[in-house]
Structure formats: C-alpha cells, structure tokens
Amino acid sequence: EAAYGERIAKSLPAEFSGQTLFPFRRLFMVAQRKA
C-alpha cells in the first residue's frame, strides 16, 4: 500500500487548488434482444 501510494501520488499529483484529477473509464452497453 505504501509503495502504491507513493507511485500514484507521483503520477497523479494534486493541482494548484489542492484537488487531484483522476481519469476514470466507464463502459456502457445497450443490447436489444433478437425477436
């Protein structure tokens, strides 16, 4: 957890506002059943 925390803090540092911007992927699906 400590090693992960160090790496993630370096790769996604806080912005000047103190907030951290984290891009998060979402996948959406809509399927219509065959008649």
PDB file of all heavy atoms in Angstrom:
ATOM      1  N   GLU A   1       0.827  -1.208   0.000  1.00  0.00           N
ATOM      2  CA  GLU A   1       0.000   0.000   0.000  1.00  0.00           C
ATOM      3  C   GLU A   1       0.863   1.261   0.000  1.00  0.00           C
ATOM      4  O   GLU A   1       0.557   2.227  -0.700  1.00  0.00           O
ATOM      5  CB  GLU A   1      -0.946  -0.004   1.192  1.00  0.00           C
ATOM      6  CG  GLU A   1      -1.959   1.098   1.129  1.00  0.00           C
ATOM      7  CD  GLU A   1      -2.981   1.047   2.255  1.00  0.00           C
ATOM      8  OE1 GLU A   1      -3.277  -0.045   2.769  1.00  0.00           O
ATOM      9  OE2 GLU A   1      -3.475   2.123   2.615  1.00  0.00           O
ATOM     10  N   ALA A   2       1.948   1.254   0.762  1.00  0.00           N
ATOM     11  CA  ALA A   2       2.844   2.414   0.810  1.00  0.00           C
ATOM     12  C   ALA A   2       3.509   2.641  -0.547  1.00  0.00           C
ATOM     13  O   ALA A   2       3.576   3.779  -1.038  1.00  0.00           O
ATOM     14  CB  ALA A   2       3.891   2.227   1.899  1.00  0.00           C
ATOM     15  N   ALA A   3       4.000   1.567  -1.172  1.00  0.00           N
ATOM     16  CA  ALA A   3       4.657   1.694  -2.474  1.00  0.00           C
ATOM     17  C   ALA A   3       3.664   2.164  -3.535  1.00  0.00           C
ATOM     18  O   ALA A   3       3.974   3.038  -4.357  1.00  0.00           O
ATOM     19  CB  ALA A   3       5.279   0.359  -2.880  1.00  0.00           C
ATOM     20  N   TYR A   4       2.467   1.616  -3.518  1.00  0.00           N
ATOM     21  CA  TYR A   4       1.425   2.038  -4.451  1.00  0.00           C
ATOM     22  C   TYR A   4       1.087   3.508  -4.221  1.00  0.00           C
ATOM     23  O   TYR A   4       0.978   4.282  -5.174  1.00  0.00           O
ATOM     24  CB  TYR A   4       0.173   1.159  -4.281  1.00  0.00           C
ATOM     25  CG  TYR A   4      -1.015   1.668  -5.055  1.00  0.00           C
ATOM     26  CD1 TYR A   4      -1.101   1.470  -6.431  1.00  0.00           C
ATOM     27  CD2 TYR A   4      -2.046   2.345  -4.419  1.00  0.00           C
ATOM     28  CE1 TYR A   4      -2.183   1.938  -7.148  1.00  0.00           C
ATOM     29  CE2 TYR A   4      -3.138   2.821  -5.134  1.00  0.00           C
ATOM     30  CZ  TYR A   4      -3.203   2.618  -6.497  1.00  0.00           C
ATOM     31  OH  TYR A   4      -4.275   3.086  -7.213  1.00  0.00           O
ATOM     32  N   GLY A   5       0.933   3.890  -2.960  1.00  0.00           N
ATOM     33  CA  GLY A   5       0.611   5.271  -2.623  1.00  0.00           C
ATOM     34  C   GLY A   5       1.651   6.253  -3.129  1.00  0.00           C
ATOM     35  O   GLY A   5       1.314   7.322  -3.658  1.00  0.00           O
ATOM     36  N   GLU A   6       2.924   5.903  -2.992  1.00  0.00           N
ATOM     37  CA  GLU A   6       3.999   6.773  -3.477  1.00  0.00           C
ATOM     38  C   GLU A   6       3.934   6.924  -4.995  1.00  0.00           C
ATOM     39  O   GLU A   6       4.047   8.034  -5.526  1.00  0.00           O
ATOM     40  CB  GLU A   6       5.360   6.200  -3.090  1.00  0.00           C
ATOM     41  CG  GLU A   6       5.716   6.374  -1.632  1.00  0.00           C
ATOM     42  CD  GLU A   6       7.068   5.767  -1.298  1.00  0.00           C
ATOM     43  OE1 GLU A   6       7.967   5.782  -2.183  1.00  0.00           O
ATOM     44  OE2 GLU A   6       7.223   5.276  -0.167  1.00  0.00           O
ATOM     45  N   ARG A   7       3.760   5.824  -5.686  1.00  0.00           N
ATOM     46  CA  ARG A   7       3.731   5.864  -7.151  1.00  0.00           C
ATOM     47  C   ARG A   7       2.533   6.639  -7.676  1.00  0.00           C
ATOM     48  O   ARG A   7       2.646   7.423  -8.613  1.00  0.00           O
ATOM     49  CB  ARG A   7       3.734   4.458  -7.725  1.00  0.00           C
ATOM     50  CG  ARG A   7       5.058   3.773  -7.587  1.00  0.00           C
ATOM     51  CD  ARG A   7       5.036   2.409  -8.209  1.00  0.00           C
ATOM     52  NE  ARG A   7       6.336   1.790  -8.076  1.00  0.00           N
ATOM     53  CZ  ARG A   7       6.604   0.576  -8.479  1.00  0.00           C
ATOM     54  NH1 ARG A   7       5.675  -0.162  -9.044  1.00  0.00           N
ATOM     55  NH2 ARG A   7       7.816   0.083  -8.318  1.00  0.00           N
ATOM     56  N   ILE A   8       1.379   6.399  -7.088  1.00  0.00           N
ATOM     57  CA  ILE A   8       0.170   7.060  -7.587  1.00  0.00           C
ATOM     58  C   ILE A   8       0.204   8.556  -7.281  1.00  0.00           C
ATOM     59  O   ILE A   8      -0.246   9.367  -8.077  1.00  0.00           O
ATOM     60  CB  ILE A   8      -1.116   6.361  -7.064  1.00  0.00           C
ATOM     61  CG1 ILE A   8      -2.294   6.621  -8.007  1.00  0.00           C
ATOM     62  CG2 ILE A   8      -1.485   6.787  -5.667  1.00  0.00           C
ATOM     63  CD1 ILE A   8      -2.220   5.896  -9.293  1.00  0.00           C
ATOM     64  N   ALA A   9       0.775   8.932  -6.136  1.00  0.00           N
ATOM     65  CA  ALA A   9       0.890  10.353  -5.793  1.00  0.00           C
ATOM     66  C   ALA A   9       1.829  11.073  -6.760  1.00  0.00           C
ATOM     67  O   ALA A   9       1.594  12.239  -7.106  1.00  0.00           O
ATOM     68  CB  ALA A   9       1.364  10.513  -4.358  1.00  0.00           C
ATOM     69  N   LYS A  10       2.877  10.389  -7.219  1.00  0.00           N
ATOM     70  CA  LYS A  10       3.800  10.989  -8.189  1.00  0.00           C
ATOM     71  C   LYS A  10       3.158  11.103  -9.569  1.00  0.00           C
ATOM     72  O   LYS A  10       3.369  12.072 -10.286  1.00  0.00           O
ATOM     73  CB  LYS A  10       5.084  10.169  -8.287  1.00  0.00           C
ATOM     74  CG  LYS A  10       6.017  10.354  -7.115  1.00  0.00           C
ATOM     75  CD  LYS A  10       7.266   9.511  -7.281  1.00  0.00           C
ATOM     76  CE  LYS A  10       8.138   9.614  -6.037  1.00  0.00           C
ATOM     77  NZ  LYS A  10       9.276   8.667  -6.110  1.00  0.00           N
ATOM     78  N   SER A  11       2.403  10.091  -9.958  1.00  0.00           N
ATOM     79  CA  SER A  11       1.823  10.100 -11.301  1.00  0.00           C
ATOM     80  C   SER A  11       0.565  10.962 -11.402  1.00  0.00           C
ATOM     81  O   SER A  11       0.237  11.437 -12.490  1.00  0.00           O
ATOM     82  CB  SER A  11       1.529   8.678 -11.778  1.00  0.00           C
ATOM     83  OG  SER A  11       0.510   8.099 -11.010  1.00  0.00           O
ATOM     84  N   LEU A  12      -0.147  11.153 -10.292  1.00  0.00           N
ATOM     85  CA  LEU A  12      -1.351  11.994 -10.283  1.00  0.00           C
ATOM     86  C   LEU A  12      -1.265  12.973  -9.106  1.00  0.00           C
ATOM     87  O   LEU A  12      -1.990  12.855  -8.120  1.00  0.00           O
ATOM     88  CB  LEU A  12      -2.612  11.132 -10.161  1.00  0.00           C
ATOM     89  CG  LEU A  12      -2.908  10.231 -11.351  1.00  0.00           C
ATOM     90  CD1 LEU A  12      -3.971   9.202 -10.999  1.00  0.00           C
ATOM     91  CD2 LEU A  12      -3.350  11.057 -12.550  1.00  0.00           C
ATOM     92  N   PRO A  13      -0.379  13.973  -9.224  1.00  0.00           N
ATOM     93  CA  PRO A  13      -0.216  14.921  -8.110  1.00  0.00           C
ATOM     94  C   PRO A  13      -1.404  15.876  -8.007  1.00  0.00           C
ATOM     95  O   PRO A  13      -2.168  16.039  -8.966  1.00  0.00           O
ATOM     96  CB  PRO A  13       1.061  15.678  -8.488  1.00  0.00           C
ATOM     97  CG  PRO A  13       1.095  15.617  -9.981  1.00  0.00           C
ATOM     98  CD  PRO A  13       0.503  14.278 -10.342  1.00  0.00           C
ATOM     99  N   ALA A  14      -1.536  16.487  -6.867  1.00  0.00           N
ATOM    100  CA  ALA A  14      -2.596  17.476  -6.657  1.00  0.00           C
ATOM    101  C   ALA A  14      -2.352  18.698  -7.543  1.00  0.00           C
ATOM    102  O   ALA A  14      -1.208  19.069  -7.805  1.00  0.00           O
ATOM    103  CB  ALA A  14      -2.647  17.891  -5.185  1.00  0.00           C
ATOM    104  N   GLU A  15      -3.432  19.295  -8.005  1.00  0.00           N
ATOM    105  CA  GLU A  15      -3.368  20.532  -8.774  1.00  0.00           C
ATOM    106  C   GLU A  15      -3.097  21.698  -7.817  1.00  0.00           C
ATOM    107  O   GLU A  15      -3.101  21.531  -6.596  1.00  0.00           O
ATOM    108  CB  GLU A  15      -4.709  20.756  -9.493  1.00  0.00           C
ATOM    109  CG  GLU A  15      -5.075  19.657 -10.467  1.00  0.00           C
ATOM    110  CD  GLU A  15      -4.220  19.689 -11.724  1.00  0.00           C
ATOM    111  OE1 GLU A  15      -4.014  20.783 -12.275  1.00  0.00           O
ATOM    112  OE2 GLU A  15      -3.761  18.615 -12.144  1.00  0.00           O
ATOM    113  N   PHE A  16      -2.921  22.890  -8.372  1.00  0.00           N
ATOM    114  CA  PHE A  16      -2.660  24.067  -7.543  1.00  0.00           C
ATOM    115  C   PHE A  16      -3.784  24.316  -6.532  1.00  0.00           C
ATOM    116  O   PHE A  16      -3.567  24.873  -5.473  1.00  0.00           O
ATOM    117  CB  PHE A  16      -2.437  25.310  -8.416  1.00  0.00           C
ATOM    118  CG  PHE A  16      -3.676  25.767  -9.132  1.00  0.00           C
ATOM    119  CD1 PHE A  16      -4.523  26.704  -8.557  1.00  0.00           C
ATOM    120  CD2 PHE A  16      -4.016  25.250 -10.373  1.00  0.00           C
ATOM    121  CE1 PHE A  16      -5.674  27.110  -9.213  1.00  0.00           C
ATOM    122  CE2 PHE A  16      -5.159  25.662 -11.030  1.00  0.00           C
ATOM    123  CZ  PHE A  16      -5.996  26.598 -10.445  1.00  0.00           C
ATOM    124  N   SER A  17      -4.989  23.863  -6.859  1.00  0.00           N
ATOM    125  CA  SER A  17      -6.144  24.050  -5.974  1.00  0.00           C
ATOM    126  C   SER A  17      -6.152  23.068  -4.808  1.00  0.00           C
ATOM    127  O   SER A  17      -6.969  23.185  -3.904  1.00  0.00           O
ATOM    128  CB  SER A  17      -7.433  23.857  -6.775  1.00  0.00           C
ATOM    129  OG  SER A  17      -7.516  22.505  -7.233  1.00  0.00           O
ATOM    130  N   GLY A  18      -5.262  22.071  -4.863  1.00  0.00           N
ATOM    131  CA  GLY A  18      -5.242  21.027  -3.841  1.00  0.00           C
ATOM    132  C   GLY A  18      -6.061  19.815  -4.233  1.00  0.00           C
ATOM    133  O   GLY A  18      -6.046  18.797  -3.545  1.00  0.00           O
ATOM    134  N   GLN A  19      -6.772  19.903  -5.337  1.00  0.00           N
ATOM    135  CA  GLN A  19      -7.571  18.781  -5.814  1.00  0.00           C
ATOM    136  C   GLN A  19      -6.733  17.907  -6.746  1.00  0.00           C
ATOM    137  O   GLN A  19      -5.839  18.376  -7.423  1.00  0.00           O
ATOM    138  CB  GLN A  19      -8.808  19.282  -6.556  1.00  0.00           C
ATOM    139  CG  GLN A  19      -9.749  20.063  -5.663  1.00  0.00           C
ATOM    140  CD  GLN A  19     -10.887  20.672  -6.459  1.00  0.00           C
ATOM    141  OE1 GLN A  19     -10.687  21.167  -7.562  1.00  0.00           O
ATOM    142  NE2 GLN A  19     -12.080  20.644  -5.885  1.00  0.00           N
ATOM    143  N   THR A  20      -7.067  16.632  -6.777  1.00  0.00           N
ATOM    144  CA  THR A  20      -6.402  15.685  -7.663  1.00  0.00           C
ATOM    145  C   THR A  20      -7.398  15.242  -8.715  1.00  0.00           C
ATOM    146  O   THR A  20      -8.520  14.839  -8.380  1.00  0.00           O
ATOM    147  CB  THR A  20      -5.872  14.474  -6.881  1.00  0.00           C
ATOM    148  OG1 THR A  20      -4.950  14.937  -5.890  1.00  0.00           O
ATOM    149  CG2 THR A  20      -5.171  13.488  -7.787  1.00  0.00           C
ATOM    150  N   LEU A  21      -6.998  15.315  -9.973  1.00  0.00           N
ATOM    151  CA  LEU A  21      -7.870  14.916 -11.078  1.00  0.00           C
ATOM    152  C   LEU A  21      -7.517  13.498 -11.493  1.00  0.00           C
ATOM    153  O   LEU A  21      -6.390  13.211 -11.877  1.00  0.00           O
ATOM    154  CB  LEU A  21      -7.693  15.881 -12.249  1.00  0.00           C
ATOM    155  CG  LEU A  21      -7.900  17.358 -11.915  1.00  0.00           C
ATOM    156  CD1 LEU A  21      -7.669  18.212 -13.150  1.00  0.00           C
ATOM    157  CD2 LEU A  21      -9.279  17.600 -11.324  1.00  0.00           C
ATOM    158  N   PHE A  22      -8.513  12.627 -11.390  1.00  0.00           N
ATOM    159  CA  PHE A  22      -8.301  11.205 -11.661  1.00  0.00           C
ATOM    160  C   PHE A  22      -9.194  10.765 -12.808  1.00  0.00           C
ATOM    161  O   PHE A  22     -10.412  10.680 -12.666  1.00  0.00           O
ATOM    162  CB  PHE A  22      -8.627  10.405 -10.396  1.00  0.00           C
ATOM    163  CG  PHE A  22      -8.477   8.915 -10.541  1.00  0.00           C
ATOM    164  CD1 PHE A  22      -7.361   8.348 -11.120  1.00  0.00           C
ATOM    165  CD2 PHE A  22      -9.471   8.072 -10.056  1.00  0.00           C
ATOM    166  CE1 PHE A  22      -7.224   6.970 -11.239  1.00  0.00           C
ATOM    167  CE2 PHE A  22      -9.349   6.692 -10.163  1.00  0.00           C
ATOM    168  CZ  PHE A  22      -8.219   6.145 -10.760  1.00  0.00           C
ATOM    169  N   PRO A  23      -8.615  10.468 -13.988  1.00  0.00           N
ATOM    170  CA  PRO A  23      -9.425   9.986 -15.106  1.00  0.00           C
ATOM    171  C   PRO A  23      -9.913   8.565 -14.833  1.00  0.00           C
ATOM    172  O   PRO A  23      -9.133   7.703 -14.437  1.00  0.00           O
ATOM    173  CB  PRO A  23      -8.463  10.031 -16.297  1.00  0.00           C
ATOM    174  CG  PRO A  23      -7.104  10.067 -15.707  1.00  0.00           C
ATOM    175  CD  PRO A  23      -7.210  10.585 -14.311  1.00  0.00           C
ATOM    176  N   PHE A  24     -11.213   8.357 -15.017  1.00  0.00           N
ATOM    177  CA  PHE A  24     -11.820   7.071 -14.691  1.00  0.00           C
ATOM    178  C   PHE A  24     -12.686   6.618 -15.856  1.00  0.00           C
ATOM    179  O   PHE A  24     -13.641   7.291 -16.233  1.00  0.00           O
ATOM    180  CB  PHE A  24     -12.649   7.198 -13.413  1.00  0.00           C
ATOM    181  CG  PHE A  24     -13.155   5.902 -12.893  1.00  0.00           C
ATOM    182  CD1 PHE A  24     -12.314   5.006 -12.271  1.00  0.00           C
ATOM    183  CD2 PHE A  24     -14.489   5.567 -13.037  1.00  0.00           C
ATOM    184  CE1 PHE A  24     -12.780   3.789 -11.783  1.00  0.00           C
ATOM    185  CE2 PHE A  24     -14.972   4.352 -12.556  1.00  0.00           C
ATOM    186  CZ  PHE A  24     -14.113   3.473 -11.935  1.00  0.00           C
ATOM    187  N   ARG A  25     -12.358   5.473 -16.426  1.00  0.00           N
ATOM    188  CA  ARG A  25     -13.047   4.933 -17.602  1.00  0.00           C
ATOM    189  C   ARG A  25     -14.324   4.201 -17.199  1.00  0.00           C
ATOM    190  O   ARG A  25     -14.324   3.402 -16.268  1.00  0.00           O
ATOM    191  CB  ARG A  25     -12.101   3.990 -18.315  1.00  0.00           C
ATOM    192  CG  ARG A  25     -12.669   3.348 -19.535  1.00  0.00           C
ATOM    193  CD  ARG A  25     -11.642   2.401 -20.146  1.00  0.00           C
ATOM    194  NE  ARG A  25     -12.344   1.238 -20.649  1.00  0.00           N
ATOM    195  CZ  ARG A  25     -11.868   0.024 -20.680  1.00  0.00           C
ATOM    196  NH1 ARG A  25     -10.671  -0.238 -20.250  1.00  0.00           N
ATOM    197  NH2 ARG A  25     -12.585  -0.959 -21.152  1.00  0.00           N
ATOM    198  N   ARG A  26     -15.391   4.456 -17.943  1.00  0.00           N
ATOM    199  CA  ARG A  26     -16.657   3.729 -17.775  1.00  0.00           C
ATOM    200  C   ARG A  26     -17.061   3.144 -19.117  1.00  0.00           C
ATOM    201  O   ARG A  26     -16.871   3.750 -20.159  1.00  0.00           O
ATOM    202  CB  ARG A  26     -17.779   4.658 -17.297  1.00  0.00           C
ATOM    203  CG  ARG A  26     -17.622   5.159 -15.904  1.00  0.00           C
ATOM    204  CD  ARG A  26     -18.025   4.109 -14.923  1.00  0.00           C
ATOM    205  NE  ARG A  26     -18.035   4.684 -13.594  1.00  0.00           N
ATOM    206  CZ  ARG A  26     -18.133   3.998 -12.498  1.00  0.00           C
ATOM    207  NH1 ARG A  26     -18.231   2.688 -12.553  1.00  0.00           N
ATOM    208  NH2 ARG A  26     -18.144   4.574 -11.338  1.00  0.00           N
ATOM    209  N   LEU A  27     -17.637   1.972 -19.055  1.00  0.00           N
ATOM    210  CA  LEU A  27     -18.080   1.264 -20.247  1.00  0.00           C
ATOM    211  C   LEU A  27     -19.595   1.084 -20.146  1.00  0.00           C
ATOM    212  O   LEU A  27     -20.103   0.642 -19.114  1.00  0.00           O
ATOM    213  CB  LEU A  27     -17.374  -0.097 -20.315  1.00  0.00           C
ATOM    214  CG  LEU A  27     -17.627  -0.986 -21.498  1.00  0.00           C
ATOM    215  CD1 LEU A  27     -17.173  -0.308 -22.795  1.00  0.00           C
ATOM    216  CD2 LEU A  27     -16.883  -2.300 -21.320  1.00  0.00           C
ATOM    217  N   PHE A  28     -20.307   1.458 -21.204  1.00  0.00           N
ATOM    218  CA  PHE A  28     -21.763   1.358 -21.230  1.00  0.00           C
ATOM    219  C   PHE A  28     -22.190   0.442 -22.371  1.00  0.00           C
ATOM    220  O   PHE A  28     -21.563   0.437 -23.431  1.00  0.00           O
ATOM    221  CB  PHE A  28     -22.392   2.743 -21.444  1.00  0.00           C
ATOM    222  CG  PHE A  28     -22.104   3.704 -20.344  1.00  0.00           C
ATOM    223  CD1 PHE A  28     -20.989   4.527 -20.389  1.00  0.00           C
ATOM    224  CD2 PHE A  28     -22.938   3.789 -19.239  1.00  0.00           C
ATOM    225  CE1 PHE A  28     -20.715   5.425 -19.369  1.00  0.00           C
ATOM    226  CE2 PHE A  28     -22.671   4.678 -18.218  1.00  0.00           C
ATOM    227  CZ  PHE A  28     -21.557   5.495 -18.280  1.00  0.00           C
ATOM    228  N   MET A  29     -23.273  -0.300 -22.143  1.00  0.00           N
ATOM    229  CA  MET A  29     -23.786  -1.226 -23.165  1.00  0.00           C
ATOM    230  C   MET A  29     -25.308  -1.209 -23.161  1.00  0.00           C
ATOM    231  O   MET A  29     -25.923  -1.212 -22.080  1.00  0.00           O
ATOM    232  CB  MET A  29     -23.329  -2.653 -22.856  1.00  0.00           C
ATOM    233  CG  MET A  29     -21.851  -2.859 -22.992  1.00  0.00           C
ATOM    234  SD  MET A  29     -21.322  -4.450 -22.341  1.00  0.00           S
ATOM    235  CE  MET A  29     -20.700  -3.911 -20.769  1.00  0.00           C
ATOM    236  N   VAL A  30     -25.878  -1.223 -24.352  1.00  0.00           N
ATOM    237  CA  VAL A  30     -27.318  -1.377 -24.525  1.00  0.00           C
ATOM    238  C   VAL A  30     -27.486  -2.423 -25.625  1.00  0.00           C
ATOM    239  O   VAL A  30     -26.957  -2.262 -26.724  1.00  0.00           O
ATOM    240  CB  VAL A  30     -28.012  -0.056 -24.938  1.00  0.00           C
ATOM    241  CG1 VAL A  30     -29.481  -0.297 -25.198  1.00  0.00           C
ATOM    242  CG2 VAL A  30     -27.803   1.006 -23.878  1.00  0.00           C
ATOM    243  N   ALA A  31     -28.215  -3.481 -25.317  1.00  0.00           N
ATOM    244  CA  ALA A  31     -28.439  -4.553 -26.295  1.00  0.00           C
ATOM    245  C   ALA A  31     -29.926  -4.821 -26.414  1.00  0.00           C
ATOM    246  O   ALA A  31     -30.634  -4.858 -25.402  1.00  0.00           O
ATOM    247  CB  ALA A  31     -27.708  -5.810 -25.879  1.00  0.00           C
ATOM    248  N   GLN A  32     -30.384  -5.006 -27.632  1.00  0.00           N
ATOM    249  CA  GLN A  32     -31.780  -5.372 -27.886  1.00  0.00           C
ATOM    250  C   GLN A  32     -31.823  -6.837 -28.248  1.00  0.00           C
ATOM    251  O   GLN A  32     -31.106  -7.297 -29.147  1.00  0.00           O
ATOM    252  CB  GLN A  32     -32.368  -4.541 -29.018  1.00  0.00           C
ATOM    253  CG  GLN A  32     -32.484  -3.074 -28.666  1.00  0.00           C
ATOM    254  CD  GLN A  32     -32.976  -2.265 -29.852  1.00  0.00           C
ATOM    255  OE1 GLN A  32     -32.735  -2.614 -31.005  1.00  0.00           O
ATOM    256  NE2 GLN A  32     -33.660  -1.172 -29.554  1.00  0.00           N
ATOM    257  N   ARG A  33     -32.663  -7.575 -27.522  1.00  0.00           N
ATOM    258  CA  ARG A  33     -32.801  -8.999 -27.750  1.00  0.00           C
ATOM    259  C   ARG A  33     -33.376  -9.272 -29.132  1.00  0.00           C
ATOM    260  O   ARG A  33     -34.229  -8.531 -29.622  1.00  0.00           O
ATOM    261  CB  ARG A  33     -33.730  -9.579 -26.678  1.00  0.00           C
ATOM    262  CG  ARG A  33     -33.797 -11.077 -26.701  1.00  0.00           C
ATOM    263  CD  ARG A  33     -34.713 -11.624 -25.642  1.00  0.00           C
ATOM    264  NE  ARG A  33     -34.337 -11.101 -24.338  1.00  0.00           N
ATOM    265  CZ  ARG A  33     -35.098 -11.154 -23.269  1.00  0.00           C
ATOM    266  NH1 ARG A  33     -36.300 -11.678 -23.335  1.00  0.00           N
ATOM    267  NH2 ARG A  33     -34.686 -10.679 -22.124  1.00  0.00           N
ATOM    268  N   LYS A  34     -32.915 -10.347 -29.754  1.00  0.00           N
ATOM    269  CA  LYS A  34     -33.465 -10.762 -31.043  1.00  0.00           C
ATOM    270  C   LYS A  34     -34.930 -11.119 -30.861  1.00  0.00           C
ATOM    271  O   LYS A  34     -35.319 -11.672 -29.850  1.00  0.00           O
ATOM    272  CB  LYS A  34     -32.704 -11.970 -31.596  1.00  0.00           C
ATOM    273  CG  LYS A  34     -31.345 -11.650 -32.122  1.00  0.00           C
ATOM    274  CD  LYS A  34     -30.697 -12.898 -32.716  1.00  0.00           C
ATOM    275  CE  LYS A  34     -29.326 -12.564 -33.262  1.00  0.00           C
ATOM    276  NZ  LYS A  34     -28.655 -13.755 -33.794  1.00  0.00           N
ATOM    277  N   ALA A  35     -35.715 -10.822 -31.873  1.00  0.00           N
ATOM    278  CA  ALA A  35     -37.155 -11.114 -31.813  1.00  0.00           C
ATOM    279  C   ALA A  35     -37.424 -12.585 -31.911  1.00  0.00           C
ATOM    280  O   ALA A  35     -36.713 -13.388 -32.361  1.00  0.00           O
ATOM    281  CB  ALA A  35     -37.883 -10.373 -32.926  1.00  0.00           C
TER     282      ALA A  35
END
